[in-house]
Amino acid sequence: MKREIYFAGGCYWGTEHFFRLINGVRETTVGFANGNGENPSYEEVYTDTTGFAETVRVVYEDEVVSLDFLLDCFFRSIDPFRLNGQGEDRGTRYRSGVYYTKDEDLPHIRAAFARVEARLGGKPVTECTPLKNFYPAEERHQAYLEKNPGGYCHISLRTFTYLRLVQDLRYLLGDETSLIAREANAAALIRERLGFFWIGFYNVDGEELVLGPFQGSPACQRIGFGRGVCGSAWKQDLSIVVPDVEKFPGHIACSSASRSEIVVPVRRDGKIIAVLDMDSDELSTFALSDALWLEEIVIIISKDCREGNV
């Protein structure tokens, strides 16, 4: 069944293009929401005196994509703590918001806000209100980045890459039940799309992590509980972003080429069964935004795999 939801995520050119890439999204329309007056022009809204926010109407097929997934993707595409602006854009017209037309959607929206607050440790300034009004923008603004591929977009290219990666991994891994097989294909696809120096998995074996499928140069074969970045992520049960590996206490130098690193635990039934490790040969490559996407990716990897690591 087709449903609709409205997202204000800064400049609507990039936000619309982002949602157009999600499987199950059937229609998108850019326009102006929750302001004063009727049928405002882009130029009027640009003055920041109308109260309207640049907004994207998203029509989706709920049998193909869930509202929960759309909401989580939205929050990964914005800074939920930035008031009246995203990227380089400033003004109330660029505020972030989720506007709904069905009361039954509100529990899902509130749950998404709660996930953001729990994961990021702060209350989002993103609005959450019923849709008051919505007026489509001029035709020249519709599907703008498809008409103008080199046009301005405040959303990073890596965010678009992660979005496609998440969706493609679901299809690639399918109903395969072997964790090793799922890890192997995931490592290959992540390396192909993101191209980092080293990408791979360490699987839990007693009190050690044992090297699993990977892409890159030879690596440490076993890492103890609590040792290095991988062992620390396992012990602390959280994703760890390291801008400079030389400054991480107890860093294990599997390769001298590694400069920065991110490690994300892989869980099944609430228990850590592996970690995803990504290394870059440049400093400060990874950020919390990478962790948010990779945490979604490891859920896909561990989904439906059977007990054991075969």
Protein backbone atom coordinates (compact mmCIF):
# COMPACT_ATOMS: atom_id res chain seq x y z
CA MET A 1 0.00 0.00 0.00
CA LYS A 2 1.26 3.50 -0.83
CA ARG A 3 1.87 5.81 2.12
CA GLU A 4 3.41 9.27 2.49
CA ILE A 5 5.75 11.06 4.83
CA TYR A 6 7.40 14.49 4.63
CA PHE A 7 11.08 15.16 5.35
CA ALA A 8 12.80 18.53 5.77
CA GLY A 9 16.53 17.91 5.64
CA GLY A 10 18.14 21.13 4.51
CA CYS A 11 18.34 21.94 0.80
CA TYR A 12 15.61 19.89 -0.80
CA TRP A 13 17.63 19.15 -3.94
CA GLY A 14 19.91 16.72 -2.11
CA THR A 15 17.24 15.35 0.22
CA GLU A 16 14.97 14.48 -2.69
CA HIS A 17 17.80 12.82 -4.62
CA PHE A 18 18.69 10.77 -1.53
CA PHE A 19 15.16 9.40 -1.12
CA ARG A 20 14.73 8.75 -4.84
CA LEU A 21 17.52 6.17 -4.50
CA ILE A 22 15.69 4.11 -1.88
CA ASN A 23 14.02 0.94 -3.13
CA GLY A 24 10.29 1.17 -2.50
CA VAL A 25 10.05 4.95 -2.82
CA ARG A 26 7.56 5.55 -5.64
CA GLU A 27 7.26 9.34 -5.83
CA THR A 28 9.03 12.41 -4.52
CA THR A 29 8.01 16.07 -4.68
CA VAL A 30 10.01 19.02 -3.39
CA GLY A 31 8.14 21.92 -1.88
CA PHE A 32 7.52 24.08 1.14
CA ALA A 33 5.86 22.89 4.35
CA ASN A 34 4.47 24.21 7.62
CA GLY A 35 4.68 27.92 6.90
CA ASN A 36 2.40 30.91 6.67
CA GLY A 37 0.45 31.90 3.57
CA GLU A 38 -0.38 29.99 0.41
CA ASN A 39 1.55 28.90 -2.67
CA PRO A 40 4.82 30.66 -1.86
CA SER A 41 7.49 31.01 -4.51
CA TYR A 42 11.07 29.86 -3.98
CA GLU A 43 12.15 33.50 -3.88
CA GLU A 44 9.62 34.30 -1.14
CA VAL A 45 10.68 31.32 0.99
CA TYR A 46 14.32 32.27 0.46
CA THR A 47 13.74 35.50 2.40
CA ASP A 48 13.23 33.40 5.54
CA THR A 49 10.12 35.41 6.46
CA THR A 50 7.41 32.90 5.53
CA GLY A 51 8.09 30.18 8.11
CA PHE A 52 8.19 27.51 5.40
CA ALA A 53 10.80 24.74 5.38
CA GLU A 54 12.22 23.18 2.23
CA THR A 55 10.60 19.76 2.36
CA VAL A 56 10.32 16.55 0.35
CA ARG A 57 7.09 14.61 0.08
CA VAL A 58 7.99 10.91 -0.06
CA VAL A 59 5.46 8.39 -1.31
CA TYR A 60 6.55 4.83 -0.60
CA GLU A 61 5.28 1.25 -0.87
CA ASP A 62 5.16 -0.06 2.69
CA GLU A 63 5.37 -3.66 1.49
CA VAL A 64 8.79 -2.89 0.01
CA VAL A 65 10.30 -0.40 2.44
CA SER A 66 9.35 0.37 6.03
CA LEU A 67 8.80 3.76 7.58
CA ASP A 68 11.37 2.79 10.20
CA PHE A 69 14.02 2.34 7.50
CA LEU A 70 13.14 5.65 5.86
CA LEU A 71 13.37 7.45 9.20
CA ASP A 72 16.73 5.88 10.07
CA CYS A 73 18.11 6.76 6.64
CA PHE A 74 16.87 10.32 7.04
CA PHE A 75 18.67 10.77 10.34
CA ARG A 76 21.87 9.36 8.81
CA SER A 77 21.66 12.00 6.08
CA ILE A 78 21.38 15.03 8.40
CA ASP A 79 22.93 16.55 11.49
CA PRO A 80 19.98 16.24 13.93
CA PHE A 81 21.62 18.65 16.37
CA ARG A 82 22.08 21.57 13.97
CA LEU A 83 19.38 24.21 14.35
CA ASN A 84 18.13 25.98 11.21
CA GLY A 85 20.68 24.64 8.80
CA GLN A 86 22.36 21.68 7.15
CA GLY A 87 25.69 21.55 5.36
CA GLU A 88 26.72 25.06 4.34
CA ASP A 89 23.12 26.33 4.31
CA ARG A 90 21.67 28.50 7.08
CA GLY A 91 18.16 29.79 7.77
CA THR A 92 14.83 28.58 9.10
CA ARG A 93 13.93 27.37 5.60
CA TYR A 94 16.73 24.80 5.99
CA ARG A 95 15.61 23.46 9.36
CA SER A 96 15.18 19.70 9.72
CA GLY A 97 11.83 18.08 10.40
CA VAL A 98 9.59 15.06 10.03
CA TYR A 99 5.98 15.93 9.19
CA TYR A 100 3.27 13.28 9.22
CA THR A 101 -0.32 13.02 8.00
CA LYS A 102 -1.34 9.81 9.81
CA ASP A 103 -1.42 9.53 13.61
CA GLU A 104 -0.51 5.85 13.27
CA ASP A 105 2.93 6.92 12.02
CA LEU A 106 3.71 8.87 15.19
CA PRO A 107 4.90 5.89 17.31
CA HIS A 108 7.38 4.96 14.57
CA ILE A 109 8.62 8.55 14.36
CA ARG A 110 8.99 8.86 18.11
CA ALA A 111 10.88 5.57 18.21
CA ALA A 112 13.28 6.85 15.52
CA PHE A 113 13.91 10.03 17.53
CA ALA A 114 14.54 7.89 20.61
CA ARG A 115 17.07 5.77 18.71
CA VAL A 116 18.93 8.90 17.68
CA GLU A 117 18.98 10.25 21.22
CA ALA A 118 20.16 6.92 22.66
CA ARG A 119 22.86 6.41 20.02
CA LEU A 120 24.17 9.97 19.75
CA GLY A 121 23.66 11.04 23.36
CA GLY A 122 21.62 14.16 22.76
CA LYS A 123 18.10 15.34 22.01
CA PRO A 124 17.62 16.18 18.30
CA VAL A 125 16.47 19.68 17.38
CA THR A 126 14.69 18.17 14.37
CA GLU A 127 11.00 19.01 14.36
CA CYS A 128 8.32 16.36 14.71
CA THR A 129 4.86 17.75 13.97
CA PRO A 130 1.75 17.01 11.92
CA LEU A 131 1.83 18.39 8.39
CA LYS A 132 0.14 21.79 8.44
CA ASN A 133 0.45 22.57 4.74
CA PHE A 134 2.62 21.70 1.74
CA TYR A 135 3.00 23.51 -1.57
CA PRO A 136 5.06 22.03 -4.42
CA ALA A 137 8.01 24.11 -5.57
CA GLU A 138 8.43 25.28 -9.15
CA GLU A 139 9.06 22.63 -11.79
CA ARG A 140 12.70 23.66 -12.18
CA HIS A 141 13.34 22.42 -8.63
CA GLN A 142 11.75 18.98 -9.10
CA ALA A 143 14.31 16.14 -9.48
CA TYR A 144 16.89 18.90 -9.69
CA LEU A 145 20.00 16.75 -9.35
CA GLU A 146 18.83 14.36 -12.04
CA LYS A 147 18.40 17.30 -14.39
CA ASN A 148 21.65 18.89 -13.15
CA PRO A 149 24.07 16.09 -12.12
CA GLY A 150 26.77 18.58 -11.17
CA GLY A 151 24.45 20.71 -9.08
CA TYR A 152 24.88 21.62 -5.44
CA CYS A 153 24.17 18.90 -2.87
CA HIS A 154 24.77 19.24 0.87
CA ILE A 155 24.73 15.47 1.43
CA SER A 156 28.14 13.82 1.11
CA LEU A 157 28.91 11.37 -1.67
CA ARG A 158 29.88 8.79 0.94
CA THR A 159 26.35 8.94 2.38
CA PHE A 160 24.92 8.09 -1.03
CA THR A 161 27.45 5.26 -1.35
CA TYR A 162 26.43 3.83 2.02
CA LEU A 163 22.74 4.02 1.10
CA ARG A 164 23.27 1.96 -2.07
CA LEU A 165 25.62 -0.39 -0.24
CA VAL A 166 23.04 -1.16 2.45
CA GLN A 167 20.39 -1.94 -0.14
CA ASP A 168 22.67 -3.98 -2.39
CA LEU A 169 24.00 -6.06 0.50
CA ARG A 170 20.47 -7.17 1.34
CA TYR A 171 20.03 -8.57 -2.16
CA LEU A 172 23.56 -9.95 -2.45
CA LEU A 173 23.47 -11.89 0.84
CA GLY A 174 19.87 -13.01 0.35
CA ASP A 175 18.94 -16.07 2.40
CA GLU A 176 22.48 -17.44 2.77
CA THR A 177 22.83 -18.86 6.30
CA SER A 178 26.62 -19.12 6.58
CA LEU A 179 28.16 -16.26 8.52
CA ILE A 180 31.52 -16.77 6.80
CA ALA A 181 29.92 -16.57 3.36
CA ARG A 182 28.00 -13.43 4.31
CA GLU A 183 31.14 -11.82 5.75
CA ALA A 184 33.19 -12.71 2.67
CA ASN A 185 30.79 -11.13 0.20
CA ALA A 186 30.20 -8.14 2.48
CA ALA A 187 33.95 -7.46 2.77
CA ALA A 188 34.33 -7.69 -1.01
CA LEU A 189 31.43 -5.35 -1.73
CA ILE A 190 32.44 -2.80 0.92
CA ARG A 191 35.99 -2.76 -0.45
CA GLU A 192 34.69 -2.36 -4.00
CA ARG A 193 32.41 0.54 -3.09
CA LEU A 194 34.45 2.38 -0.43
CA GLY A 195 37.98 1.37 -1.40
CA PHE A 196 39.61 1.60 2.02
CA PHE A 197 43.02 0.09 2.75
CA TRP A 198 41.76 -2.94 4.74
CA ILE A 199 38.26 -4.29 5.34
CA GLY A 200 37.49 -7.52 7.13
CA PHE A 201 36.05 -9.46 10.03
CA TYR A 202 37.37 -11.03 13.20
CA ASN A 203 35.13 -13.77 14.62
CA VAL A 204 34.78 -14.57 18.31
CA ASP A 205 36.41 -17.85 19.34
CA GLY A 206 36.43 -18.25 23.11
CA GLU A 207 38.48 -15.38 24.55
CA GLU A 208 39.98 -14.39 21.22
CA LEU A 209 39.04 -12.84 17.92
CA VAL A 210 40.13 -14.98 14.97
CA LEU A 211 40.78 -13.54 11.54
CA GLY A 212 37.87 -14.11 9.18
CA PRO A 213 37.13 -13.05 5.60
CA PHE A 214 38.93 -9.85 4.61
CA GLN A 215 40.11 -7.69 1.73
CA GLY A 216 43.58 -6.20 1.95
CA SER A 217 47.10 -7.10 3.05
CA PRO A 218 47.89 -9.97 5.48
CA ALA A 219 46.70 -9.21 9.00
CA CYS A 220 46.94 -10.35 12.61
CA GLN A 221 45.43 -13.81 12.94
CA ARG A 222 44.29 -13.62 16.57
CA ILE A 223 43.47 -10.72 18.90
CA GLY A 224 42.79 -11.10 22.60
CA PHE A 225 39.72 -9.84 24.44
CA GLY A 226 40.21 -6.14 25.21
CA ARG A 227 43.39 -5.84 23.13
CA GLY A 228 43.85 -3.28 20.37
CA VAL A 229 40.94 -1.49 18.73
CA CYS A 230 39.14 -4.71 17.76
CA GLY A 231 39.43 -6.29 21.20
CA SER A 232 38.40 -3.02 22.85
CA ALA A 233 35.27 -2.74 20.69
CA TRP A 234 34.41 -6.31 21.70
CA LYS A 235 35.04 -5.68 25.41
CA GLN A 236 33.24 -2.33 25.49
CA ASP A 237 30.40 -3.54 23.26
CA LEU A 238 30.43 -0.41 21.12
CA SER A 239 31.71 0.99 17.85
CA ILE A 240 35.08 2.71 18.09
CA VAL A 241 36.33 5.40 15.71
CA VAL A 242 40.08 6.06 15.81
CA PRO A 243 41.32 9.15 13.91
CA ASP A 244 45.00 8.25 14.51
CA VAL A 245 45.91 4.65 15.39
CA GLU A 246 49.27 5.73 16.83
CA LYS A 247 47.41 7.60 19.58
CA PHE A 248 45.16 4.67 20.55
CA PRO A 249 46.47 3.00 23.75
CA GLY A 250 47.53 -0.57 23.05
CA HIS A 251 47.06 -0.34 19.30
CA ILE A 252 48.15 -3.53 17.53
CA ALA A 253 50.08 -2.64 14.39
CA CYS A 254 49.07 -5.38 11.96
CA SER A 255 50.23 -3.12 9.14
CA SER A 256 52.39 -0.01 9.21
CA ALA A 257 50.22 1.41 6.41
CA SER A 258 47.19 1.76 8.70
CA ARG A 259 46.68 5.35 9.90
CA SER A 260 43.03 5.47 11.05
CA GLU A 261 40.48 2.80 11.89
CA ILE A 262 36.88 2.00 12.74
CA VAL A 263 35.62 -1.19 14.41
CA VAL A 264 31.94 -2.15 14.74
CA PRO A 265 30.66 -5.15 16.76
CA VAL A 266 28.54 -7.75 14.98
CA ARG A 267 25.75 -9.09 17.19
CA ARG A 268 23.40 -12.02 17.02
CA ASP A 269 20.65 -12.40 19.63
CA GLY A 270 22.29 -9.62 21.65
CA LYS A 271 25.67 -11.37 21.80
CA ILE A 272 28.81 -10.21 19.98
CA ILE A 273 29.90 -12.87 17.51
CA ALA A 274 32.40 -10.85 15.46
CA VAL A 275 33.69 -7.37 14.69
CA LEU A 276 33.90 -5.52 11.40
CA ASP A 277 37.27 -3.78 11.08
CA MET A 278 38.05 -1.07 8.53
CA ASP A 279 41.44 0.63 8.17
CA SER A 280 42.54 3.61 6.11
CA ASP A 281 46.03 4.67 5.06
CA GLU A 282 45.05 8.29 5.79
CA LEU A 283 44.41 10.04 9.09
CA SER A 284 40.89 10.96 10.31
CA THR A 285 39.13 8.99 7.59
CA PHE A 286 36.20 7.79 9.69
CA ALA A 287 33.54 9.58 11.72
CA LEU A 288 30.43 8.78 13.74
CA SER A 289 28.42 8.96 10.50
CA ASP A 290 30.39 5.95 9.22
CA ALA A 291 29.61 4.05 12.41
CA LEU A 292 25.87 4.69 12.02
CA TRP A 293 25.85 3.20 8.52
CA LEU A 294 28.15 0.32 9.40
CA GLU A 295 25.96 -0.57 12.38
CA GLU A 296 23.11 -1.05 9.90
CA ILE A 297 25.38 -3.10 7.64
CA VAL A 298 26.43 -5.55 10.38
CA ILE A 299 22.76 -6.12 11.25
CA ILE A 300 22.24 -7.22 7.65
CA ILE A 301 25.32 -9.45 7.79
CA SER A 302 24.28 -11.27 10.98
CA LYS A 303 20.62 -11.58 9.99
CA ASP A 304 19.40 -15.15 9.49
CA CYS A 305 22.85 -16.75 9.80
CA ARG A 306 22.94 -20.03 11.68
CA GLU A 307 24.81 -20.83 14.87
CA GLY A 308 28.56 -21.17 14.49
CA ASN A 309 30.85 -19.36 12.08
CA VAL A 310 30.68 -21.67 9.07
